[in-house]
């Protein structure tokens, strides 16, 4: 999937593969910086409402007071750090939106630290995530104004497709993980859990339901 997206970018942008890889590596560099800078020096938002929360989460983790596992705790910390950078008008990668920009770098950095994943594999995973995000944009939406706030957190299930692959799972098993998370996301976007989105954004709800067409049936064999 990553290679297919690379070729797509090369064709559409009429640029060589090295240029495409360089752009994605630059995006990862910005993601990394925005997720780590506030931990070294907490950043206050323009209005002063937030700032320092990421550092507090890191301190909480270092004191062994976290109730989540290492990966999830680190992911939350880094995601909060990106939020601080965004709120202070700093440089971030808005993937897919500024409001949800912390999810992708947060999870990627957490995985990289806990499983010693190379930068090259992270770049591959970002191309993979871009492919799933493209399908979401084509079949539904990632705009909060169209599909509600839930639609902006599409990176959550974008990352679900990458997580099993990093853990050594087969492509089929990874697809099944993506399918289950995608189904949950679709239910939220269509108002299946709260009903709010359906009333507020009926068009977005209809489009969100169409993402169910991406689902891969789960079979016992996928557990292998």
Protein backbone atom coordinates (compact mmCIF):
# COMPACT_ATOMS: atom_id res chain seq x y z
CA UNK A 1 0.00 0.00 0.00
CA UNK A 2 2.82 2.38 0.87
CA UNK A 3 4.48 1.77 -2.49
CA UNK A 4 1.23 2.36 -4.36
CA UNK A 5 0.82 5.72 -2.67
CA UNK A 6 4.42 6.64 -3.50
CA UNK A 7 3.81 5.90 -7.16
CA UNK A 8 0.57 7.90 -7.06
CA UNK A 9 2.39 10.94 -5.66
CA UNK A 10 5.13 10.61 -8.27
CA UNK A 11 2.61 10.47 -11.10
CA UNK A 12 0.29 13.23 -9.91
CA UNK A 13 3.11 15.53 -8.84
CA UNK A 14 5.34 14.65 -11.79
CA UNK A 15 8.30 14.34 -9.44
CA UNK A 16 10.85 11.55 -8.86
CA UNK A 17 10.55 9.07 -6.01
CA UNK A 18 13.38 10.70 -4.04
CA UNK A 19 11.50 14.00 -3.97
CA UNK A 20 8.33 12.31 -2.70
CA UNK A 21 10.25 10.49 0.04
CA UNK A 22 12.00 13.73 0.99
CA UNK A 23 8.67 15.55 1.42
CA UNK A 24 7.27 12.81 3.60
CA UNK A 25 10.46 12.68 5.67
CA UNK A 26 10.18 16.46 6.13
CA UNK A 27 6.58 16.03 7.31
CA UNK A 28 7.76 13.42 9.83
CA UNK A 29 10.49 15.80 11.00
CA UNK A 30 7.90 18.51 11.70
CA UNK A 31 5.63 16.00 13.43
CA UNK A 32 8.50 14.86 15.65
CA UNK A 33 9.46 18.42 16.57
CA UNK A 34 5.92 19.52 17.40
CA UNK A 35 5.40 16.46 19.60
CA UNK A 36 8.60 16.86 21.61
CA UNK A 37 9.33 20.59 21.94
CA UNK A 38 6.62 21.29 24.58
CA UNK A 39 8.08 18.53 26.76
CA UNK A 40 11.36 20.42 26.93
CA UNK A 41 9.78 23.85 27.19
CA UNK A 42 6.00 24.03 27.82
CA UNK A 43 4.20 26.40 25.48
CA UNK A 44 1.26 28.60 26.51
CA UNK A 45 -1.59 29.08 24.06
CA UNK A 46 -2.33 32.51 22.62
CA UNK A 47 -5.23 32.94 25.04
CA UNK A 48 -3.41 31.36 27.96
CA UNK A 49 -6.02 28.65 28.47
CA UNK A 50 -3.70 25.70 27.89
CA UNK A 51 0.01 25.06 28.21
CA UNK A 52 2.12 22.58 30.13
CA UNK A 53 -0.38 19.70 30.04
CA UNK A 54 1.93 17.52 27.98
CA UNK A 55 4.74 18.00 30.49
CA UNK A 56 2.37 17.06 33.31
CA UNK A 57 1.45 13.85 31.50
CA UNK A 58 5.13 13.03 31.02
CA UNK A 59 5.84 13.66 34.70
CA UNK A 60 2.87 11.49 35.65
CA UNK A 61 4.27 8.69 33.49
CA UNK A 62 7.80 9.02 34.86
CA UNK A 63 6.40 8.64 38.37
CA UNK A 64 4.76 5.35 37.31
CA UNK A 65 1.31 6.74 38.05
CA UNK A 66 -0.11 6.05 34.60
CA UNK A 67 -3.05 3.65 34.33
CA UNK A 68 -2.52 3.00 30.60
CA UNK A 69 0.21 0.99 28.92
CA UNK A 70 3.46 2.55 27.75
CA UNK A 71 2.39 3.01 24.12
CA UNK A 72 -0.96 4.62 24.88
CA UNK A 73 0.44 6.85 27.63
CA UNK A 74 3.25 8.10 25.42
CA UNK A 75 0.85 8.62 22.52
CA UNK A 76 -1.43 10.77 24.66
CA UNK A 77 1.51 12.81 25.91
CA UNK A 78 2.85 13.52 22.44
CA UNK A 79 -0.61 14.25 21.05
CA UNK A 80 -1.17 16.79 23.82
CA UNK A 81 2.18 18.37 23.01
CA UNK A 82 1.15 18.90 19.39
CA UNK A 83 -2.07 20.50 20.64
CA UNK A 84 -0.01 23.01 22.61
CA UNK A 85 2.10 23.86 19.56
CA UNK A 86 -1.01 24.29 17.45
CA UNK A 87 -2.74 26.50 20.03
CA UNK A 88 0.36 28.71 20.24
CA UNK A 89 0.49 29.22 16.45
CA UNK A 90 3.47 26.91 16.06
CA UNK A 91 4.38 24.70 13.11
CA UNK A 92 2.46 21.42 12.82
CA UNK A 93 1.41 18.95 10.14
CA UNK A 94 -2.37 19.25 9.86
CA UNK A 95 -3.07 15.62 9.00
CA UNK A 96 -5.90 15.47 8.36
CA UNK A 97 -6.90 18.63 10.29
CA UNK A 98 -5.22 20.98 12.73
CA UNK A 99 -7.53 19.93 15.54
CA UNK A 100 -6.63 16.25 15.19
CA UNK A 101 -2.98 16.82 14.22
CA UNK A 102 -1.63 15.20 17.38
CA UNK A 103 -3.02 11.71 16.80
CA UNK A 104 -0.69 10.60 14.01
CA UNK A 105 2.63 11.86 15.44
CA UNK A 106 1.59 10.83 18.94
CA UNK A 107 1.01 7.21 18.00
CA UNK A 108 3.94 7.04 15.62
CA UNK A 109 6.42 8.37 18.17
CA UNK A 110 5.07 6.09 20.87
CA UNK A 111 5.46 3.06 18.61
CA UNK A 112 8.92 4.14 17.52
CA UNK A 113 10.15 4.44 21.10
CA UNK A 114 8.52 1.29 22.45
CA UNK A 115 9.28 -0.99 19.48
CA UNK A 116 12.47 0.68 18.16
CA UNK A 117 11.02 1.37 14.73
CA UNK A 118 13.30 3.10 12.22
CA UNK A 119 12.47 6.44 10.64
CA UNK A 120 12.23 4.73 7.25
CA UNK A 121 9.50 2.39 8.50
CA UNK A 122 7.69 5.38 9.97
CA UNK A 123 7.79 7.10 6.58
CA UNK A 124 6.39 3.93 4.98
CA UNK A 125 3.61 3.89 7.57
CA UNK A 126 2.78 7.53 6.80
CA UNK A 127 2.30 6.67 3.14
CA UNK A 128 0.10 3.79 4.28
CA UNK A 129 -1.91 6.12 6.48
CA UNK A 130 -2.23 8.53 3.59
CA UNK A 131 -3.81 5.80 1.48
CA UNK A 132 -6.51 5.08 4.06
CA UNK A 133 -7.03 8.78 4.63
CA UNK A 134 -7.50 9.24 0.88
CA UNK A 135 -10.24 6.61 0.89
CA UNK A 136 -11.92 8.37 3.79
CA UNK A 137 -11.87 11.68 1.93
CA UNK A 138 -13.18 10.06 -1.23
CA UNK A 139 -15.99 8.09 0.40
CA UNK A 140 -16.86 10.25 3.40
CA UNK A 141 -15.23 13.30 4.99
CA UNK A 142 -12.68 14.43 7.56
CA UNK A 143 -14.18 17.91 7.92
CA UNK A 144 -15.84 18.71 11.21
CA UNK A 145 -18.14 21.17 9.45
CA UNK A 146 -19.49 18.34 7.29
CA UNK A 147 -19.34 15.16 9.36
CA UNK A 148 -19.10 16.44 12.92
CA UNK A 149 -16.17 16.46 15.30
CA UNK A 150 -15.82 12.69 15.10
CA UNK A 151 -14.87 12.90 11.44
CA UNK A 152 -11.77 14.91 12.32
CA UNK A 153 -10.35 12.06 14.36
CA UNK A 154 -10.09 9.82 11.34
CA UNK A 155 -6.33 9.31 12.11
CA UNK A 156 -7.43 7.06 14.98
CA UNK A 157 -8.52 4.35 12.61
CA UNK A 158 -5.92 5.30 10.02
CA UNK A 159 -3.37 4.32 12.62
CA UNK A 160 -5.29 1.13 13.42
CA UNK A 161 -4.26 -0.16 10.01
CA UNK A 162 -0.59 0.49 10.76
CA UNK A 163 -0.44 -0.80 14.33
CA UNK A 164 -0.86 -4.53 13.57
CA UNK A 165 1.74 -4.32 10.78
CA UNK A 166 4.30 -2.80 13.15
CA UNK A 167 3.56 -5.56 15.63
CA UNK A 168 4.32 -8.22 13.01
CA UNK A 169 0.71 -9.06 12.09
CA UNK A 170 -0.19 -10.21 8.58
CA UNK A 171 -1.74 -7.79 6.06
CA UNK A 172 -5.07 -9.63 6.37
CA UNK A 173 -5.07 -9.32 10.14
CA UNK A 174 -4.12 -5.66 9.84
CA UNK A 175 -7.01 -5.09 7.45
CA UNK A 176 -9.42 -6.73 9.87
CA UNK A 177 -8.22 -4.45 12.66
CA UNK A 178 -8.79 -1.49 10.37
CA UNK A 179 -12.23 -2.83 9.50
CA UNK A 180 -13.40 -3.06 13.10
CA UNK A 181 -12.12 0.40 13.96
CA UNK A 182 -13.52 1.86 10.75
CA UNK A 183 -16.93 0.40 11.51
CA UNK A 184 -16.88 2.05 14.94
CA UNK A 185 -15.81 5.34 13.38
CA UNK A 186 -18.60 5.08 10.81
CA UNK A 187 -21.16 4.52 13.55
CA UNK A 188 -19.97 7.63 15.34
CA UNK A 189 -19.95 9.77 12.20
CA UNK A 190 -23.44 8.62 11.25
CA UNK A 191 -24.77 9.37 14.72
CA UNK A 192 -25.15 5.68 15.52
CA UNK A 193 -23.94 6.20 19.08
CA UNK A 194 -25.24 9.63 19.98
CA UNK A 195 -27.47 10.67 17.10
CA UNK A 196 -26.10 14.19 17.32
CA UNK A 197 -24.15 14.13 14.10
CA UNK A 198 -27.09 12.81 12.12
CA UNK A 199 -29.21 15.78 13.15
CA UNK A 200 -26.47 18.40 12.87
CA UNK A 201 -24.86 17.15 9.67
CA UNK A 202 -27.30 14.90 7.75
CA UNK A 203 -25.28 15.04 4.52
CA UNK A 204 -22.07 14.15 6.30
CA UNK A 205 -23.83 11.31 8.08
CA UNK A 206 -24.98 9.80 4.78
CA UNK A 207 -21.51 10.10 3.30
CA UNK A 208 -19.92 8.63 6.41
CA UNK A 209 -22.10 5.56 6.14
CA UNK A 210 -20.64 4.90 2.71
CA UNK A 211 -17.27 4.11 4.28
CA UNK A 212 -18.72 0.77 5.33
CA UNK A 213 -17.99 -0.28 1.74
CA UNK A 214 -14.31 -0.38 2.74
CA UNK A 215 -14.89 -3.05 5.33
CA UNK A 216 -12.98 -6.34 5.10
CA UNK A 217 -14.92 -9.30 6.59
CA UNK A 218 -13.31 -10.71 9.70
CA UNK A 219 -12.53 -14.42 9.68
CA UNK A 220 -10.93 -16.69 12.30
CA UNK A 221 -8.01 -17.22 9.92
CA UNK A 222 -7.06 -13.59 10.37
CA UNK A 223 -6.06 -14.31 13.95
CA UNK A 224 -3.15 -16.43 12.79
